[in-house]
Amino acid sequence: MMTEMLMPEEVWKGCWFNGRWTQAEHTGAVLDKASGEEISRIGLATPADLDRSAAAAVLAQAAWENTSPAERAAIFRRAASLVEKHWDELTVWIMRESGGVRAKADTELRSTTAVLHHAAGMMGEPHGFVMPAEPHKMSFARRVPHGVVGVIAPFNFPLTLAIRSVAPALVTGNAVVLKPDSQTAVCGGVLIARVFEAAGLPAGLLHMLPAGSDVGEAICTDPRISMVSFTGSTQAGKRVGALCGGSLKKVSLELGGKNSLIVLDDADLEVAAAGAAFGSWMHQGQICMATGRILAHESIAQELLERLKQKALSTRIGNPMHERVGLGPVINERQLKAIDGIVQATIAAGATLHAGGKAEGRFYLPTVLGGVQPGMRAFDEEVFGPVASVTSFASDDEAVELANSSEYGLAAAVMSASTGRALALGKRLRTGLLHINDQTVQGDPHIPFGGRGASGNGSRIGGPANWDEFTQWQWITVRETVASYPF
């Protein structure tokens, strides 16, 4: 028996979502990133649409806040079941619209179901504390929702990086206005709206508005939106932070990274090469946690480079819908040119090209650069492309200095046969995420995810951090009789 589709185009094509599917005045193309083929049209919202959505969200949120925890949790469990039921249908959208290989699409769906189950589980956790007080008085602190939360999500892992904010924000009693990147608005927006619509989320609590920066700026400045959760580039994040700061609005910024993988002289080189390749090239390097610097001890750097070269030469690129490939397309032509500009400038500055170093149509070959030094663009800048950059060091102290010579502070990893040595070195790194004997691309919905410096404003998403981000404290005292004061 054929399962009814969750996302038939006749429901959402040319629309945005405000509790119902609303035909937009303007639409944008939904592109297959590997072929460039237009596969549908998405409705593009305007600042005026955002204005109406914010007003509706305020009205819906008041009733939702007073919905029982059990009722809220049930909606999220149903949402998780819907994702599992329609897995293959949703996989196709992720692969075509984001350019990801099947394993990447499966990863997004696994993380989504985990986030939804975790959100449901939050309703069984304590929502506050009883505080010390005098015998005649009760004192307690409870978590209360912000009201309306704006979520601005990126193109690279569009489903995962949207749902990880949307789900905890909703389940803790907020309404949500979601602006997915218009390049991936189906898997990063339509999919989420359809799942919650089918799961029975009351209308008006979730608004999904694919749009440009004008709507993003309106989300940041609208006084009815009390918090903004933004994931994207550091440059854009600074703008979001400045706009939110103008009204003292709470803002969570999860931004870019220039993440170091340190390979010590006693590491297993084949394991290290595999981890470095995965961390550098996974999803075409379009990940904030991607391995941006491979720091290798000088005694093993050349052998590691040779192993990376062989892995690059044996990694296939192509359309993930038509063939088994390791890498799919880069998101757009502008990003292809940006990647190549960094690679060519780094070679011109004295680095050595060992593999790749060029685009083929919509694809960038897995690239290996050796002799990369501070001051070269591939060392200093976030590439957001499939580039493995290797820099050698002579001592553990130099490795720490090189890793810390960055404005970013998201993820780092250390590989060594000695766990104690690796951990001692890792603790000296200024980073929000640290992995010993692993690579830098790691995520889990149950952990507090986030970075420091140019990688974010110290906010965290996931696990115990969700209560901190998506609610605020309210202190309440209760006396049996009215207090008497001498004035």
Protein backbone atom coordinates (compact mmCIF):
# COMPACT_ATOMS: atom_id res chain seq x y z
CA MET A 1 0.00 0.00 0.00
CA MET A 2 1.46 3.36 -1.03
CA THR A 3 1.90 5.92 1.77
CA GLU A 4 0.19 9.26 1.19
CA MET A 5 2.77 11.97 0.53
CA LEU A 6 3.55 14.44 3.29
CA MET A 7 4.65 17.19 0.91
CA PRO A 8 2.51 17.20 -2.24
CA GLU A 9 3.40 20.30 -4.24
CA GLU A 10 -0.22 21.32 -4.77
CA VAL A 11 -0.36 22.15 -1.04
CA TRP A 12 2.65 24.46 -0.75
CA LYS A 13 3.90 25.45 -4.22
CA GLY A 14 4.20 29.23 -4.50
CA CYS A 15 3.17 29.67 -0.86
CA TRP A 16 4.45 30.68 2.52
CA PHE A 17 2.92 29.48 5.80
CA ASN A 18 1.13 31.39 8.55
CA GLY A 19 -0.95 28.54 9.94
CA ARG A 20 -2.34 27.99 6.47
CA TRP A 21 -0.65 27.93 3.09
CA THR A 22 -0.87 31.44 1.65
CA GLN A 23 -0.20 32.22 -2.00
CA ALA A 24 2.64 34.72 -2.28
CA GLU A 25 2.74 37.70 -4.63
CA HIS A 26 6.26 36.73 -5.67
CA THR A 27 7.87 33.32 -6.00
CA GLY A 28 11.39 31.97 -6.33
CA ALA A 29 12.80 28.94 -8.09
CA VAL A 30 13.51 25.74 -6.18
CA LEU A 31 16.62 24.35 -7.85
CA ASP A 32 18.19 20.91 -8.03
CA LYS A 33 21.69 21.98 -7.01
CA ALA A 34 23.45 19.26 -9.02
CA SER A 35 21.69 19.80 -12.34
CA GLY A 36 20.50 23.40 -12.03
CA GLU A 37 16.99 22.24 -13.00
CA GLU A 38 14.03 24.14 -11.61
CA ILE A 39 11.98 21.56 -9.72
CA SER A 40 9.33 23.79 -8.10
CA ARG A 41 8.51 27.33 -6.96
CA ILE A 42 8.48 28.66 -3.41
CA GLY A 43 6.50 31.64 -2.17
CA LEU A 44 8.63 34.60 -1.07
CA ALA A 45 7.35 36.58 1.90
CA THR A 46 7.67 40.32 2.40
CA PRO A 47 8.16 42.53 5.48
CA ALA A 48 4.41 43.20 5.37
CA ASP A 49 3.80 39.44 5.60
CA LEU A 50 6.14 39.29 8.57
CA ASP A 51 4.20 42.07 10.25
CA ARG A 52 0.97 40.09 9.96
CA SER A 53 2.65 36.87 11.10
CA ALA A 54 4.15 38.51 14.19
CA ALA A 55 0.73 39.83 15.21
CA ALA A 56 -0.90 36.41 14.71
CA ALA A 57 1.91 34.65 16.57
CA VAL A 58 1.41 36.86 19.64
CA LEU A 59 -2.27 35.95 19.77
CA ALA A 60 -1.65 32.21 19.34
CA GLN A 61 1.17 32.08 21.87
CA ALA A 62 -0.96 33.14 24.84
CA ALA A 63 -3.16 30.04 24.63
CA TRP A 64 -0.24 27.74 23.79
CA GLU A 65 1.67 28.77 26.91
CA ASN A 66 -1.23 27.44 28.98
CA THR A 67 -1.46 24.13 27.13
CA SER A 68 -0.52 21.16 29.31
CA PRO A 69 2.98 19.69 29.01
CA ALA A 70 1.47 16.32 28.07
CA GLU A 71 -0.46 17.83 25.15
CA ARG A 72 2.63 19.62 23.86
CA ALA A 73 4.80 16.51 24.15
CA ALA A 74 2.27 14.42 22.21
CA ILE A 75 2.48 16.77 19.22
CA PHE A 76 6.25 16.42 19.08
CA ARG A 77 6.12 12.65 19.31
CA ARG A 78 3.65 12.61 16.41
CA ALA A 79 5.95 14.92 14.45
CA ALA A 80 8.87 12.52 14.95
CA SER A 81 6.74 9.61 13.77
CA LEU A 82 5.78 11.52 10.62
CA VAL A 83 9.43 12.11 9.75
CA GLU A 84 10.15 8.41 10.18
CA LYS A 85 7.09 7.43 8.13
CA HIS A 86 7.99 9.71 5.20
CA TRP A 87 11.77 9.23 5.39
CA ASP A 88 12.38 8.36 1.73
CA GLU A 89 10.20 11.20 0.45
CA LEU A 90 12.01 13.74 2.64
CA THR A 91 15.43 12.36 1.74
CA VAL A 92 14.89 13.17 -1.93
CA TRP A 93 14.09 16.80 -1.15
CA ILE A 94 17.20 17.20 1.01
CA MET A 95 19.47 15.62 -1.58
CA ARG A 96 18.14 17.61 -4.51
CA GLU A 97 17.69 20.99 -2.86
CA SER A 98 20.81 21.08 -0.64
CA GLY A 99 23.11 19.05 -2.91
CA GLY A 100 23.85 16.52 -0.19
CA VAL A 101 24.67 12.86 -0.67
CA ARG A 102 22.31 10.22 0.76
CA ALA A 103 24.33 9.83 3.96
CA LYS A 104 24.06 13.57 4.60
CA ALA A 105 20.29 13.51 4.06
CA ASP A 106 19.92 10.55 6.41
CA THR A 107 22.00 12.39 9.01
CA GLU A 108 19.65 15.39 8.86
CA LEU A 109 16.58 13.20 9.27
CA ARG A 110 18.10 11.22 12.16
CA SER A 111 19.01 14.42 13.97
CA THR A 112 15.53 15.82 13.33
CA THR A 113 13.76 12.85 14.88
CA ALA A 114 16.17 12.98 17.82
CA VAL A 115 15.51 16.71 18.33
CA LEU A 116 11.74 16.16 18.23
CA HIS A 117 11.91 13.31 20.76
CA HIS A 118 14.19 15.37 22.98
CA ALA A 119 11.76 18.29 22.81
CA ALA A 120 8.93 16.00 23.90
CA GLY A 121 11.11 14.78 26.76
CA MET A 122 11.66 18.34 27.99
CA MET A 123 8.04 18.37 29.13
CA GLY A 124 8.93 15.72 31.70
CA GLU A 125 11.82 17.74 33.14
CA PRO A 126 11.59 20.22 36.03
CA HIS A 127 10.42 23.63 34.86
CA GLY A 128 11.85 25.47 37.86
CA PHE A 129 13.05 25.28 41.47
CA VAL A 130 11.73 25.84 44.97
CA MET A 131 14.05 28.35 46.63
CA PRO A 132 15.01 28.81 50.30
CA ALA A 133 12.54 31.05 52.15
CA GLU A 134 11.25 32.01 55.61
CA PRO A 135 8.66 29.64 57.15
CA HIS A 136 5.75 31.99 56.42
CA LYS A 137 6.73 32.48 52.80
CA MET A 138 7.07 30.39 49.63
CA SER A 139 9.75 31.29 47.08
CA PHE A 140 10.19 29.59 43.74
CA ALA A 141 11.64 30.29 40.31
CA ARG A 142 10.02 29.03 37.13
CA ARG A 143 10.88 29.03 33.46
CA VAL A 144 8.56 31.09 31.26
CA PRO A 145 8.62 31.47 27.47
CA HIS A 146 9.92 34.60 25.77
CA GLY A 147 6.74 34.92 23.69
CA VAL A 148 7.57 34.89 19.98
CA VAL A 149 10.95 33.57 18.81
CA GLY A 150 12.40 34.35 15.40
CA VAL A 151 14.53 31.61 13.82
CA ILE A 152 16.81 32.52 10.89
CA ALA A 153 18.36 29.38 9.41
CA PRO A 154 21.10 28.74 6.79
CA PHE A 155 21.35 26.67 3.60
CA ASN A 156 23.96 24.06 4.43
CA PHE A 157 22.11 21.76 6.86
CA PRO A 158 18.76 23.47 6.37
CA LEU A 159 16.56 20.99 8.21
CA THR A 160 18.84 20.25 11.16
CA LEU A 161 19.86 23.85 11.78
CA ALA A 162 16.26 25.06 11.72
CA ILE A 163 14.56 22.29 13.71
CA ARG A 164 17.12 22.43 16.52
CA SER A 165 15.77 25.94 17.36
CA VAL A 166 12.16 25.60 16.21
CA ALA A 167 11.42 22.50 18.30
CA PRO A 168 12.70 23.62 21.72
CA ALA A 169 11.30 27.12 21.21
CA LEU A 170 7.82 25.74 20.48
CA VAL A 171 7.73 23.07 23.14
CA THR A 172 8.69 25.53 25.89
CA GLY A 173 5.62 27.65 25.10
CA ASN A 174 6.78 30.12 22.48
CA ALA A 175 5.38 30.83 19.04
CA VAL A 176 7.95 30.76 16.22
CA VAL A 177 8.54 32.77 13.07
CA LEU A 178 10.96 30.80 10.86
CA LYS A 179 12.86 32.32 7.95
CA PRO A 180 14.66 29.57 6.06
CA ASP A 181 17.30 30.41 3.48
CA SER A 182 15.48 30.84 0.19
CA GLN A 183 18.02 28.52 -1.49
CA THR A 184 16.80 25.60 0.65
CA ALA A 185 13.35 26.74 1.69
CA VAL A 186 11.64 23.41 0.99
CA CYS A 187 13.73 21.11 3.18
CA GLY A 188 14.52 23.92 5.66
CA GLY A 189 11.01 25.37 5.88
CA VAL A 190 8.18 23.68 4.02
CA LEU A 191 9.14 20.29 5.45
CA ILE A 192 9.03 21.62 9.02
CA ALA A 193 5.73 23.43 8.51
CA ARG A 194 4.12 20.36 6.94
CA VAL A 195 5.34 18.04 9.71
CA PHE A 196 3.93 20.24 12.48
CA GLU A 197 0.74 20.92 10.57
CA ALA A 198 0.15 17.19 10.18
CA ALA A 199 1.12 16.54 13.81
CA GLY A 200 -1.64 18.86 15.04
CA LEU A 201 0.26 21.96 16.16
CA PRO A 202 -2.37 24.69 16.68
CA ALA A 203 -2.56 27.16 13.81
CA GLY A 204 -0.72 30.44 14.24
CA LEU A 205 2.09 29.10 16.41
CA LEU A 206 4.49 28.40 13.55
CA HIS A 207 5.02 30.80 10.66
CA MET A 208 7.38 29.91 7.80
CA LEU A 209 8.49 32.79 5.59
CA PRO A 210 11.09 32.14 2.87
CA ALA A 211 12.55 35.53 2.07
CA GLY A 212 15.59 37.72 1.67
CA SER A 213 17.49 39.85 4.14
CA ASP A 214 14.68 42.43 4.35
CA VAL A 215 12.46 39.97 6.22
CA GLY A 216 15.43 38.84 8.32
CA GLU A 217 16.03 42.42 9.39
CA ALA A 218 12.34 42.87 10.14
CA ILE A 219 12.45 39.82 12.43
CA CYS A 220 15.36 41.40 14.30
CA THR A 221 13.64 44.76 14.76
CA ASP A 222 9.98 43.79 15.29
CA PRO A 223 9.17 44.53 18.97
CA ARG A 224 6.71 41.61 19.14
CA ILE A 225 9.52 39.12 18.51
CA SER A 226 11.31 38.75 21.83
CA MET A 227 14.23 36.54 20.82
CA VAL A 228 16.12 35.71 17.64
CA SER A 229 18.02 32.45 17.07
CA PHE A 230 20.38 32.93 14.13
CA THR A 231 22.67 30.42 12.43
CA GLY A 232 24.88 31.62 9.59
CA SER A 233 28.02 33.50 8.68
CA THR A 234 29.90 35.64 11.15
CA GLN A 235 29.45 38.72 8.96
CA ALA A 236 25.67 38.31 8.85
CA GLY A 237 25.63 37.41 12.55
CA LYS A 238 27.25 40.72 13.46
CA ARG A 239 24.45 42.52 11.63
CA VAL A 240 21.80 40.42 13.41
CA GLY A 241 23.43 41.09 16.77
CA ALA A 242 23.57 44.83 16.15
CA LEU A 243 19.91 45.00 15.10
CA CYS A 244 18.73 42.95 18.07
CA GLY A 245 20.93 44.94 20.42
CA GLY A 246 19.14 48.11 19.43
CA SER A 247 16.09 46.95 21.38
CA LEU A 248 17.97 44.81 23.92
CA LYS A 249 16.39 41.72 22.35
CA LYS A 250 17.82 38.34 23.35
CA VAL A 251 19.83 36.91 20.48
CA SER A 252 21.54 33.55 20.01
CA LEU A 253 24.29 33.60 17.39
CA GLU A 254 25.78 30.36 16.04
CA LEU A 255 28.29 31.48 13.44
CA GLY A 256 31.31 30.35 11.44
CA GLY A 257 34.41 28.43 12.39
CA LYS A 258 38.04 27.90 11.52
CA ASN A 259 38.46 24.57 13.22
CA SER A 260 41.78 22.84 13.83
CA LEU A 261 42.48 19.13 13.77
CA ILE A 262 45.84 18.54 15.48
CA VAL A 263 47.63 15.32 14.53
CA LEU A 264 50.44 14.50 16.96
CA ASP A 265 53.51 12.53 16.01
CA ASP A 266 52.28 9.29 17.63
CA ALA A 267 48.87 9.24 15.88
CA ASP A 268 47.73 6.43 13.59
CA LEU A 269 48.16 8.15 10.22
CA GLU A 270 45.58 6.19 8.26
CA VAL A 271 42.95 6.91 10.90
CA ALA A 272 44.07 10.54 11.03
CA ALA A 273 43.93 10.89 7.23
CA ALA A 274 40.43 9.44 7.10
CA GLY A 275 39.24 11.78 9.85
CA ALA A 276 40.93 14.79 8.26
CA ALA A 277 39.40 14.02 4.87
CA PHE A 278 35.91 13.58 6.32
CA GLY A 279 36.17 16.73 8.42
CA SER A 280 37.44 18.78 5.47
CA TRP A 281 35.23 17.49 2.67
CA MET A 282 31.98 16.26 4.21
CA HIS A 283 29.07 18.01 2.44
CA GLN A 284 31.60 19.81 0.25
CA GLY A 285 33.12 21.47 3.32
CA GLN A 286 29.97 23.57 3.77
CA ILE A 287 29.78 23.05 7.53
CA CYS A 288 30.61 25.49 10.34
CA MET A 289 32.46 22.64 12.11
CA ALA A 290 34.49 21.65 9.04
CA THR A 291 38.20 20.99 9.57
CA GLY A 292 39.65 24.27 8.33
CA ARG A 293 43.21 23.61 9.53
CA ILE A 294 45.00 20.27 9.69
CA LEU A 295 47.96 20.84 12.00
CA ALA A 296 50.39 17.94 11.65
CA HIS A 297 53.65 17.32 13.49
CA GLU A 298 56.57 17.98 11.14
CA SER A 299 57.75 14.37 11.39
CA ILE A 300 54.52 13.00 9.86
CA ALA A 301 53.20 15.94 7.80
CA GLN A 302 54.46 14.72 4.41
CA GLU A 303 53.12 11.21 4.86
CA LEU A 304 49.77 12.60 5.97
CA LEU A 305 49.69 14.82 2.88
CA GLU A 306 50.34 11.83 0.63
CA ARG A 307 47.52 9.85 2.23
CA LEU A 308 45.15 12.80 1.86
CA LYS A 309 46.16 13.16 -1.79
CA GLN A 310 45.29 9.52 -2.47
CA LYS A 311 41.93 9.91 -0.75
CA ALA A 312 41.19 13.02 -2.81
CA LEU A 313 42.04 11.29 -6.07
CA SER A 314 39.80 8.32 -5.21
CA THR A 315 36.80 10.39 -4.08
CA ARG A 316 34.08 10.67 -6.70
CA ILE A 317 32.06 13.83 -7.29
CA GLY A 318 28.73 14.00 -9.09
CA ASN A 319 24.96 14.16 -8.85
CA PRO A 320 24.02 12.22 -5.70
CA MET A 321 20.62 11.38 -7.16
CA HIS A 322 22.13 9.51 -10.10
CA GLU A 323 25.30 7.84 -8.81
CA ARG A 324 27.20 6.81 -5.70
CA VAL A 325 29.47 9.76 -4.96
CA GLY A 326 31.37 11.15 -2.02
CA LEU A 327 30.78 14.81 -2.82
CA GLY A 328 27.86 16.63 -4.40
CA PRO A 329 27.54 20.16 -5.79
CA VAL A 330 28.46 23.42 -4.09
CA ILE A 331 25.41 25.51 -3.21
CA ASN A 332 25.83 28.18 -5.93
CA GLU A 333 28.19 29.76 -8.45
CA ARG A 334 29.16 32.56 -6.09
CA GLN A 335 30.40 30.10 -3.48
CA LEU A 336 32.31 28.12 -6.11
CA LYS A 337 34.18 31.28 -7.09
CA ALA A 338 34.83 32.16 -3.46
CA ILE A 339 36.36 28.73 -2.75
CA ASP A 340 38.55 28.86 -5.81
CA GLY A 341 39.66 32.40 -5.01
CA ILE A 342 40.95 31.30 -1.61
CA VAL A 343 42.67 28.22 -3.05
CA GLN A 344 44.41 30.11 -5.88
CA ALA A 345 45.50 32.95 -3.58
CA THR A 346 46.96 30.43 -1.14
CA ILE A 347 48.92 28.67 -3.89
CA ALA A 348 50.18 32.03 -5.16
CA ALA A 349 51.38 32.80 -1.62
CA GLY A 350 53.58 29.68 -1.59
CA ALA A 351 51.42 26.71 -0.62
CA THR A 352 51.66 23.48 -2.63
CA LEU A 353 48.70 21.95 -4.44
CA HIS A 354 48.63 18.16 -4.02
CA ALA A 355 45.17 17.40 -5.41
CA GLY A 356 42.09 19.16 -6.75
CA GLY A 357 42.23 22.92 -6.86
CA LYS A 358 39.56 23.49 -9.50
CA ALA A 359 35.85 23.40 -10.24
CA GLU A 360 34.14 21.06 -12.66
CA GLY A 361 30.75 22.54 -13.45
CA ARG A 362 28.79 22.84 -10.21
CA PHE A 363 31.32 20.75 -8.30
CA TYR A 364 34.64 21.57 -6.64
CA LEU A 365 37.21 18.80 -6.58
CA PRO A 366 38.37 17.61 -3.14
CA THR A 367 41.49 19.67 -2.64
CA VAL A 368 44.69 19.14 -0.65
CA LEU A 369 47.07 22.00 0.12
CA GLY A 370 50.45 21.57 1.83
CA GLY A 371 52.82 24.12 3.31
CA VAL A 372 49.95 26.39 4.37
CA GLN A 373 51.17 29.10 6.72
CA PRO A 374 49.63 31.87 8.84
CA GLY A 375 48.88 34.85 6.62
CA MET A 376 47.72 32.67 3.73
CA ARG A 377 43.99 32.87 3.02
CA ALA A 378 43.37 29.13 3.43
CA PHE A 379 44.91 29.35 6.91
CA ASP A 380 43.13 32.50 8.05
CA GLU A 381 39.70 32.40 6.42
CA GLU A 382 36.72 30.08 6.63
CA VAL A 383 36.72 28.43 3.18
CA PHE A 384 33.31 26.70 3.29
CA GLY A 385 34.50 24.36 0.57
CA PRO A 386 36.16 20.91 0.24
CA VAL A 387 39.71 22.01 1.01
CA ALA A 388 42.14 20.15 3.29
CA SER A 389 44.88 22.59 4.37
CA VAL A 390 47.94 21.12 6.09
CA THR A 391 50.30 23.12 8.29
CA SER A 392 53.24 21.54 10.13
CA PHE A 393 54.38 22.25 13.69
CA ALA A 394 57.42 21.29 15.75
CA SER A 395 56.03 21.06 19.29
CA ASP A 396 52.80 20.77 21.23
CA ASP A 397 53.16 24.40 22.29
CA GLU A 398 53.41 25.52 18.67
CA ALA A 399 50.34 23.46 17.77
CA VAL A 400 48.35 25.22 20.49
CA GLU A 401 49.60 28.61 19.31
CA LEU A 402 48.62 27.89 15.70
CA ALA A 403 45.18 26.56 16.65
CA ASN A 404 44.45 29.54 18.88
CA SER A 405 45.61 32.10 16.29
CA SER A 406 42.07 32.68 15.07
CA GLU A 407 39.16 34.95 15.85
CA TYR A 408 36.92 31.87 15.71
CA GLY A 409 36.36 29.39 18.52
CA LEU A 410 33.88 26.69 17.52
CA ALA A 411 35.43 23.21 17.30
CA ALA A 412 38.82 21.52 17.64
CA ALA A 413 40.13 17.96 17.65
CA VAL A 414 43.35 16.25 18.71
CA MET A 415 44.59 12.81 17.59
CA SER A 416 47.24 10.91 19.51
CA ALA A 417 48.07 7.45 20.81
CA SER A 418 48.22 9.07 24.25
CA THR A 419 44.79 10.19 25.40
CA GLY A 420 46.30 12.04 28.35
CA ARG A 421 48.67 14.03 26.15
CA ALA A 422 45.91 14.86 23.68
CA LEU A 423 43.50 15.97 26.41
CA ALA A 424 46.14 18.09 28.12
CA LEU A 425 46.81 19.85 24.82
CA GLY A 426 43.11 20.13 23.98
CA LYS A 427 42.26 21.85 27.25
CA ARG A 428 44.50 24.73 26.18
CA LEU A 429 42.45 25.41 23.05
CA ARG A 430 39.95 28.27 23.06
CA THR A 431 36.99 26.44 21.60
CA GLY A 432 33.40 25.56 22.43
CA LEU A 433 33.66 21.95 21.23
CA LEU A 434 36.64 19.65 21.78
CA HIS A 435 37.08 16.10 20.45
CA ILE A 436 39.90 13.77 21.43
CA ASN A 437 40.81 11.11 18.86
CA ASP A 438 38.09 12.22 16.47
CA GLN A 439 37.56 14.88 13.80
CA THR A 440 35.83 18.24 14.15
CA VAL A 441 32.40 17.58 12.57
CA GLN A 442 30.39 16.28 15.51
CA GLY A 443 26.84 17.04 16.64
CA ASP A 444 24.23 15.67 18.99
CA PRO A 445 20.83 17.09 20.00
CA HIS A 446 21.51 16.30 23.65
CA ILE A 447 24.61 18.50 24.07
CA PRO A 448 25.02 22.28 24.51
CA PHE A 449 26.30 23.23 21.04
CA GLY A 450 28.04 26.52 20.35
CA GLY A 451 31.27 28.46 20.17
CA ARG A 452 33.01 31.62 21.27
CA GLY A 453 34.63 34.65 19.69
CA ALA A 454 33.64 35.07 16.04
CA SER A 455 31.90 31.68 16.21
CA GLY A 456 29.11 33.02 18.40
CA ASN A 457 28.07 35.12 21.37
CA GLY A 458 28.40 32.32 23.91
CA SER A 459 24.86 31.04 23.43
CA ARG A 460 24.25 27.31 23.25
CA ILE A 461 21.60 25.18 21.56
CA GLY A 462 20.69 21.64 22.56
CA GLY A 463 20.35 19.48 25.64
CA PRO A 464 20.36 21.36 28.94
CA ALA A 465 21.03 24.66 27.13
CA ASN A 466 17.56 24.71 25.55
CA TRP A 467 15.91 25.84 28.77
CA ASP A 468 18.49 28.63 29.08
CA GLU A 469 17.99 29.84 25.52
CA PHE A 470 14.28 29.59 24.89
CA THR A 471 12.86 30.54 28.29
CA GLN A 472 13.66 33.07 30.99
CA TRP A 473 13.48 32.96 34.78
CA GLN A 474 10.58 34.37 36.75
CA TRP A 475 10.91 34.55 40.55
CA ILE A 476 7.66 34.23 42.51
CA THR A 477 7.03 34.64 46.23
CA VAL A 478 3.80 33.80 48.06
CA ARG A 479 2.76 34.77 51.61
CA GLU A 480 -0.34 33.57 53.44
CA THR A 481 -1.04 37.07 54.76
CA VAL A 482 -0.23 40.48 53.33
CA ALA A 483 3.09 41.79 54.58
CA SER A 484 3.10 44.80 56.92
CA TYR A 485 5.76 47.46 56.37
CA PRO A 486 6.59 50.54 58.50
CA PHE A 487 5.87 53.18 55.80
